[in-house]
Amino acid sequence: MPSVAFGLSFVFSTPTFAQTTVPSAASVVPAGKPAPAAPAPVVNAAAQTVPVADANGWTLTRTITLTQPGPASLDRRGNLYLADNQNNIRQYGPDGQALNTFSPPQPGNTAQIEAWNTAKVLVFYDDRQQILMLDRFMAPLTQFRLSDVLDGLVRTATLAPDDRLWLLDESNLALRQYDPAGQRMVVSTQMDLLIGRSKPDFRFMRQYQNNLYLVDRSSGIYVFDNLGNYRKKLPFPGLSTIGFRNDELYYLADNVVHFFHLYNLTDRTLPLPAGTADVRQVLLGEQFAYVITPLGVQVYKL
């Protein structure tokens, strides 16, 4: 097994503090005299807007302007991670408040962000076949070249709960799991018989509740157990990404969010907010939903 080269790059930022404003001398009340009553602020009631839920329960609370955003992911705390058109990784709080930004030291196409792991954020650059690990404050932990791990082209990748990496080796049509600590492959599942004569178009991968879900835009979602054994296939073609919330898998199709219960196998749908167009992705947290368009992100209260 070839050794894995780790290249560390750290980005430090110096916090800035707001300057405290000192009151002018004219505002100081002379001793022995009562302070004049401050005038009550004038409130224009007509200018005040109160968020109102639409017929389907969507309540818009914030709009994040961001031209041509890329892949996005949520962590278990509800924080949003999003690539911009310069491949910077932006972190937002659950309510859409900007928190941190990571700027990569070298250019690369951000193909996937995976933030579901409790301690790390995975960033996969498909053009340079490289994986970068960030901590929860967007500081780089480590990165390595996939060419040092296997002979093949990785199409999509994700992080397992035990910090091992799931890799879809498109060149050899194999699902592999790599252990960075032991620097070895621990799982290798050939997919030739599963795919047959079809031409797959793998787009996304996520491990959730002891199963691994591999999205093939051409035919549907392949489901494996946590050891890489094939279990079944969900007939949901035409997808580029999926999400999970409690015991449901959800995906966007025809401007509607579809929910599929993982155990009851029941379906339900939720139409998108009125007026939304060209929606690329929808992410659902516990309290907020994020609708991603070419112009940015709309944050809705659930």
Protein backbone atom coordinates (compact mmCIF):
# COMPACT_ATOMS: atom_id res chain seq x y z
CA MET A 1 0.00 0.00 0.00
CA PRO A 2 1.48 3.37 -0.95
CA SER A 3 2.03 5.81 1.83
CA VAL A 4 -0.31 8.74 2.17
CA ALA A 5 1.14 12.22 2.01
CA PHE A 6 -0.43 14.71 4.31
CA GLY A 7 -0.01 18.38 3.56
CA LEU A 8 -0.96 20.77 6.26
CA SER A 9 -1.97 24.33 5.61
CA PHE A 10 -3.27 26.63 8.28
CA VAL A 11 -5.12 29.88 8.00
CA PHE A 12 -4.98 32.24 10.94
CA SER A 13 -7.19 35.25 11.33
CA THR A 14 -6.78 38.05 13.86
CA PRO A 15 -10.04 38.90 15.61
CA THR A 16 -11.09 42.54 15.50
CA PHE A 17 -12.92 44.30 18.25
CA ALA A 18 -15.37 47.13 17.90
CA GLN A 19 -14.20 50.42 19.33
CA THR A 20 -16.20 51.60 22.32
CA THR A 21 -17.84 54.95 21.63
CA VAL A 22 -17.11 57.64 24.27
CA PRO A 23 -19.99 60.10 24.95
CA SER A 24 -19.33 63.71 24.08
CA ALA A 25 -18.83 66.31 26.81
CA ALA A 26 -22.20 67.85 25.98
CA SER A 27 -23.94 64.65 26.93
CA VAL A 28 -22.63 64.67 30.51
CA VAL A 29 -25.20 66.02 32.99
CA PRO A 30 -23.78 68.57 35.51
CA ALA A 31 -23.82 67.47 39.15
CA GLY A 32 -27.01 68.25 41.05
CA LYS A 33 -29.23 68.49 37.96
CA PRO A 34 -31.54 65.70 36.86
CA ALA A 35 -30.86 64.11 33.51
CA PRO A 36 -33.37 65.13 30.85
CA ALA A 37 -35.73 62.40 29.78
CA ALA A 38 -34.64 60.75 26.57
CA PRO A 39 -37.17 61.19 23.80
CA ALA A 40 -39.00 58.03 22.89
CA PRO A 41 -37.95 56.59 19.54
CA VAL A 42 -40.37 57.16 16.72
CA VAL A 43 -41.60 53.86 15.33
CA ASN A 44 -43.10 53.78 11.90
CA ALA A 45 -45.60 50.97 12.23
CA ALA A 46 -46.13 50.82 8.50
CA ALA A 47 -42.42 50.10 7.94
CA GLN A 48 -42.31 47.19 10.40
CA THR A 49 -42.53 43.77 8.73
CA VAL A 50 -43.49 40.68 10.67
CA PRO A 51 -42.56 37.35 9.05
CA VAL A 52 -45.69 35.54 8.01
CA ALA A 53 -45.89 31.86 7.12
CA ASP A 54 -47.28 30.96 3.72
CA ALA A 55 -49.95 28.35 3.12
CA ASN A 56 -47.41 25.52 3.44
CA GLY A 57 -45.79 26.79 6.64
CA TRP A 58 -42.66 28.46 5.17
CA THR A 59 -41.64 31.63 7.06
CA LEU A 60 -38.80 33.62 5.46
CA THR A 61 -36.41 35.02 8.08
CA ARG A 62 -33.22 35.88 6.18
CA THR A 63 -31.80 36.11 2.67
CA ILE A 64 -28.10 35.46 2.07
CA THR A 65 -26.90 37.05 -1.17
CA LEU A 66 -24.28 34.83 -2.80
CA THR A 67 -23.73 34.52 -6.54
CA GLN A 68 -23.72 30.97 -7.91
CA PRO A 69 -23.26 29.05 -4.64
CA GLY A 70 -21.90 25.51 -4.85
CA PRO A 71 -22.32 22.36 -2.74
CA ALA A 72 -23.77 22.73 0.76
CA SER A 73 -24.11 20.67 3.92
CA LEU A 74 -25.53 20.88 7.45
CA ASP A 75 -23.89 19.68 10.64
CA ARG A 76 -25.78 18.22 13.59
CA ARG A 77 -25.89 21.59 15.33
CA GLY A 78 -27.75 23.10 12.38
CA ASN A 79 -24.82 25.13 11.02
CA LEU A 80 -24.74 25.59 7.25
CA TYR A 81 -21.58 25.07 5.17
CA LEU A 82 -21.61 26.41 1.63
CA ALA A 83 -19.08 26.83 -1.19
CA ASP A 84 -19.15 30.15 -3.06
CA ASN A 85 -18.17 30.70 -6.70
CA GLN A 86 -14.53 31.21 -5.65
CA ASN A 87 -14.56 27.83 -3.84
CA ASN A 88 -14.30 29.48 -0.43
CA ILE A 89 -16.16 27.52 2.25
CA ARG A 90 -18.57 29.72 4.20
CA GLN A 91 -20.05 28.76 7.55
CA TYR A 92 -23.38 30.15 8.78
CA GLY A 93 -25.26 29.69 12.02
CA PRO A 94 -28.66 27.95 12.03
CA ASP A 95 -30.43 31.29 11.52
CA GLY A 96 -28.18 32.24 8.58
CA GLN A 97 -25.80 34.50 10.52
CA ALA A 98 -22.30 34.45 8.96
CA LEU A 99 -19.71 32.79 11.22
CA ASN A 100 -16.45 31.83 9.47
CA THR A 101 -14.89 31.51 6.02
CA PHE A 102 -12.12 29.21 4.80
CA SER A 103 -10.18 30.28 1.70
CA PRO A 104 -8.21 27.43 0.09
CA PRO A 105 -4.51 28.14 -0.55
CA GLN A 106 -4.78 26.74 -4.09
CA PRO A 107 -7.64 26.62 -6.61
CA GLY A 108 -9.85 23.57 -6.96
CA ASN A 109 -13.43 22.63 -7.75
CA THR A 110 -15.42 21.87 -4.61
CA ALA A 111 -17.43 18.78 -5.55
CA GLN A 112 -18.79 17.92 -2.11
CA ILE A 113 -18.94 19.18 1.46
CA GLU A 114 -19.80 16.73 4.24
CA ALA A 115 -20.41 18.25 7.67
CA TRP A 116 -22.55 15.57 9.35
CA ASN A 117 -19.60 14.18 11.32
CA THR A 118 -19.59 15.66 14.83
CA ALA A 119 -15.98 16.88 14.80
CA LYS A 120 -14.82 17.34 11.20
CA VAL A 121 -15.90 18.82 7.90
CA LEU A 122 -14.85 16.99 4.73
CA VAL A 123 -14.22 18.95 1.53
CA PHE A 124 -13.71 16.94 -1.66
CA TYR A 125 -11.98 18.57 -4.65
CA ASP A 126 -12.69 16.34 -7.64
CA ASP A 127 -10.48 18.12 -10.19
CA ARG A 128 -7.30 17.70 -8.18
CA GLN A 129 -8.47 14.47 -6.45
CA GLN A 130 -7.83 15.79 -2.97
CA ILE A 131 -9.64 15.63 0.37
CA LEU A 132 -9.36 18.37 2.97
CA MET A 133 -10.46 18.10 6.59
CA LEU A 134 -11.54 21.19 8.54
CA ASP A 135 -12.45 21.53 12.18
CA ARG A 136 -15.68 23.15 13.37
CA PHE A 137 -14.04 26.58 13.36
CA MET A 138 -13.02 26.19 9.70
CA ALA A 139 -9.34 25.69 10.48
CA PRO A 140 -7.60 23.04 8.32
CA LEU A 141 -6.69 19.79 10.04
CA THR A 142 -5.14 17.74 7.26
CA GLN A 143 -5.38 16.98 3.56
CA PHE A 144 -4.17 14.21 1.30
CA ARG A 145 -4.07 13.15 -2.35
CA LEU A 146 -6.33 10.31 -3.38
CA SER A 147 -3.79 9.23 -6.00
CA ASP A 148 -1.65 8.07 -3.08
CA VAL A 149 -4.52 5.88 -1.87
CA LEU A 150 -5.78 4.09 -4.98
CA ASP A 151 -5.25 3.75 -8.72
CA GLY A 152 -8.44 5.23 -10.09
CA LEU A 153 -10.66 8.26 -10.29
CA VAL A 154 -12.82 9.05 -7.27
CA ARG A 155 -16.20 10.51 -8.26
CA THR A 156 -17.69 11.14 -4.81
CA ALA A 157 -16.58 10.75 -1.19
CA THR A 158 -17.96 11.00 2.32
CA LEU A 159 -16.89 10.61 5.92
CA ALA A 160 -18.02 7.69 8.07
CA PRO A 161 -18.79 8.14 11.81
CA ASP A 162 -15.51 6.39 12.71
CA ASP A 163 -13.50 8.88 10.56
CA ARG A 164 -12.94 6.37 7.78
CA LEU A 165 -13.54 7.52 4.22
CA TRP A 166 -16.04 6.10 1.75
CA LEU A 167 -14.77 6.51 -1.82
CA LEU A 168 -16.56 5.72 -5.07
CA ASP A 169 -13.81 4.52 -7.43
CA GLU A 170 -15.41 5.27 -10.79
CA SER A 171 -12.49 3.93 -12.85
CA ASN A 172 -12.86 0.43 -11.38
CA LEU A 173 -16.59 0.66 -10.51
CA ALA A 174 -15.91 -0.13 -6.87
CA LEU A 175 -17.10 1.18 -3.53
CA ARG A 176 -14.16 1.42 -1.17
CA GLN A 177 -13.59 2.39 2.43
CA TYR A 178 -10.21 3.76 3.44
CA ASP A 179 -8.81 3.94 6.98
CA PRO A 180 -6.51 7.00 7.22
CA ALA A 181 -5.20 5.91 10.63
CA GLY A 182 -4.07 2.51 9.38
CA GLN A 183 -3.38 3.80 5.86
CA ARG A 184 -5.16 0.85 4.24
CA MET A 185 -8.33 -0.14 2.43
CA VAL A 186 -10.72 -2.02 4.71
CA VAL A 187 -13.72 -2.43 2.36
CA SER A 188 -13.90 -3.00 -1.39
CA THR A 189 -17.24 -3.81 -3.05
CA GLN A 190 -17.36 -4.33 -6.81
CA MET A 191 -20.43 -2.81 -8.44
CA ASP A 192 -20.25 -4.31 -11.94
CA LEU A 193 -23.10 -6.77 -11.38
CA LEU A 194 -25.23 -4.14 -9.62
CA ILE A 195 -24.88 -1.63 -12.43
CA GLY A 196 -25.19 -4.09 -15.34
CA ARG A 197 -25.22 -2.47 -18.75
CA SER A 198 -26.39 0.92 -17.52
CA LYS A 199 -24.13 3.96 -17.57
CA PRO A 200 -24.06 5.35 -14.01
CA ASP A 201 -23.76 8.99 -13.07
CA PHE A 202 -22.72 9.02 -9.42
CA ARG A 203 -23.29 12.36 -7.71
CA PHE A 204 -23.51 12.06 -3.92
CA MET A 205 -22.84 9.73 -0.98
CA ARG A 206 -23.80 9.85 2.71
CA GLN A 207 -23.71 7.37 5.60
CA TYR A 208 -26.77 7.66 7.82
CA GLN A 209 -28.10 5.36 10.55
CA ASN A 210 -25.73 2.48 9.72
CA ASN A 211 -26.48 2.57 6.00
CA LEU A 212 -24.59 4.13 3.11
CA TYR A 213 -26.63 5.86 0.40
CA LEU A 214 -25.02 6.31 -3.04
CA VAL A 215 -26.91 8.56 -5.46
CA ASP A 216 -26.83 7.59 -9.14
CA ARG A 217 -28.57 10.27 -11.16
CA SER A 218 -29.22 7.80 -13.96
CA SER A 219 -31.09 5.10 -12.05
CA GLY A 220 -31.68 5.77 -8.35
CA ILE A 221 -30.11 5.36 -4.91
CA TYR A 222 -27.97 2.33 -4.02
CA VAL A 223 -28.17 1.37 -0.35
CA PHE A 224 -25.35 -0.50 1.41
CA ASP A 225 -24.83 -1.44 5.05
CA ASN A 226 -21.96 -0.01 7.09
CA LEU A 227 -19.68 -2.84 5.91
CA GLY A 228 -20.27 -2.10 2.23
CA ASN A 229 -22.68 -4.97 1.58
CA TYR A 230 -25.40 -4.17 -0.96
CA ARG A 231 -28.92 -4.10 0.49
CA LYS A 232 -31.34 -2.58 -2.02
CA LYS A 233 -31.98 0.17 -4.53
CA LEU A 234 -34.45 3.02 -4.18
CA PRO A 235 -36.08 3.95 -7.53
CA PHE A 236 -35.52 7.72 -7.35
CA PRO A 237 -33.66 8.71 -10.56
CA GLY A 238 -32.75 12.23 -11.63
CA LEU A 239 -31.27 13.30 -8.28
CA SER A 240 -27.95 14.99 -7.58
CA THR A 241 -28.16 15.08 -3.79
CA ILE A 242 -30.32 13.89 -0.91
CA GLY A 243 -30.76 14.79 2.75
CA PHE A 244 -31.90 13.10 5.95
CA ARG A 245 -34.06 14.36 8.79
CA ASN A 246 -34.97 12.05 11.66
CA ASP A 247 -36.17 8.81 10.03
CA GLU A 248 -36.85 10.31 6.61
CA LEU A 249 -34.83 10.71 3.44
CA TYR A 250 -35.75 13.85 1.53
CA TYR A 251 -35.00 15.15 -1.95
CA LEU A 252 -36.06 17.93 -4.30
CA ALA A 253 -37.99 17.13 -7.50
CA ASP A 254 -40.33 19.28 -9.61
CA ASN A 255 -40.18 22.18 -7.12
CA VAL A 256 -41.49 19.92 -4.36
CA VAL A 257 -39.65 18.44 -1.37
CA HIS A 258 -40.33 14.70 -1.18
CA PHE A 259 -39.99 12.79 2.09
CA PHE A 260 -39.45 9.00 2.12
CA HIS A 261 -39.68 7.21 5.47
CA LEU A 262 -36.72 4.84 5.80
CA TYR A 263 -38.64 2.20 7.75
CA ASN A 264 -42.36 2.64 7.03
CA LEU A 265 -41.59 3.21 3.32
CA THR A 266 -44.26 5.91 3.15
CA ASP A 267 -44.08 9.13 1.13
CA ARG A 268 -45.18 12.69 1.75
CA THR A 269 -44.54 15.96 -0.05
CA LEU A 270 -44.08 19.64 0.80
CA PRO A 271 -44.36 22.30 -1.95
CA LEU A 272 -41.63 24.94 -1.97
CA PRO A 273 -42.45 28.50 -0.89
CA ALA A 274 -44.48 30.51 -3.35
CA GLY A 275 -42.40 32.54 -5.79
CA THR A 276 -39.21 30.48 -5.52
CA ALA A 277 -37.63 29.59 -8.85
CA ASP A 278 -34.58 27.73 -10.12
CA VAL A 279 -33.98 26.06 -6.76
CA ARG A 280 -30.81 23.97 -6.78
CA GLN A 281 -30.91 22.38 -3.35
CA VAL A 282 -32.96 22.32 -0.17
CA LEU A 283 -31.49 21.54 3.25
CA LEU A 284 -33.66 20.92 6.31
CA GLY A 285 -32.43 21.36 9.88
CA GLU A 286 -34.37 21.00 13.09
CA GLN A 287 -35.59 24.62 13.18
CA PHE A 288 -34.62 26.16 9.85
CA ALA A 289 -34.75 25.28 6.16
CA TYR A 290 -32.34 26.56 3.51
CA VAL A 291 -33.40 27.04 -0.10
CA ILE A 292 -30.39 27.49 -2.39
CA THR A 293 -30.73 29.32 -5.71
CA PRO A 294 -28.21 30.86 -8.15
CA LEU A 295 -28.61 34.15 -6.25
CA GLY A 296 -27.96 32.86 -2.74
CA VAL A 297 -29.77 31.23 0.14
CA GLN A 298 -33.22 31.88 1.58
CA VAL A 299 -33.51 30.90 5.25
CA TYR A 300 -36.95 29.81 6.44
CA LYS A 301 -38.22 29.12 9.94
CA LEU A 302 -39.81 25.70 10.26
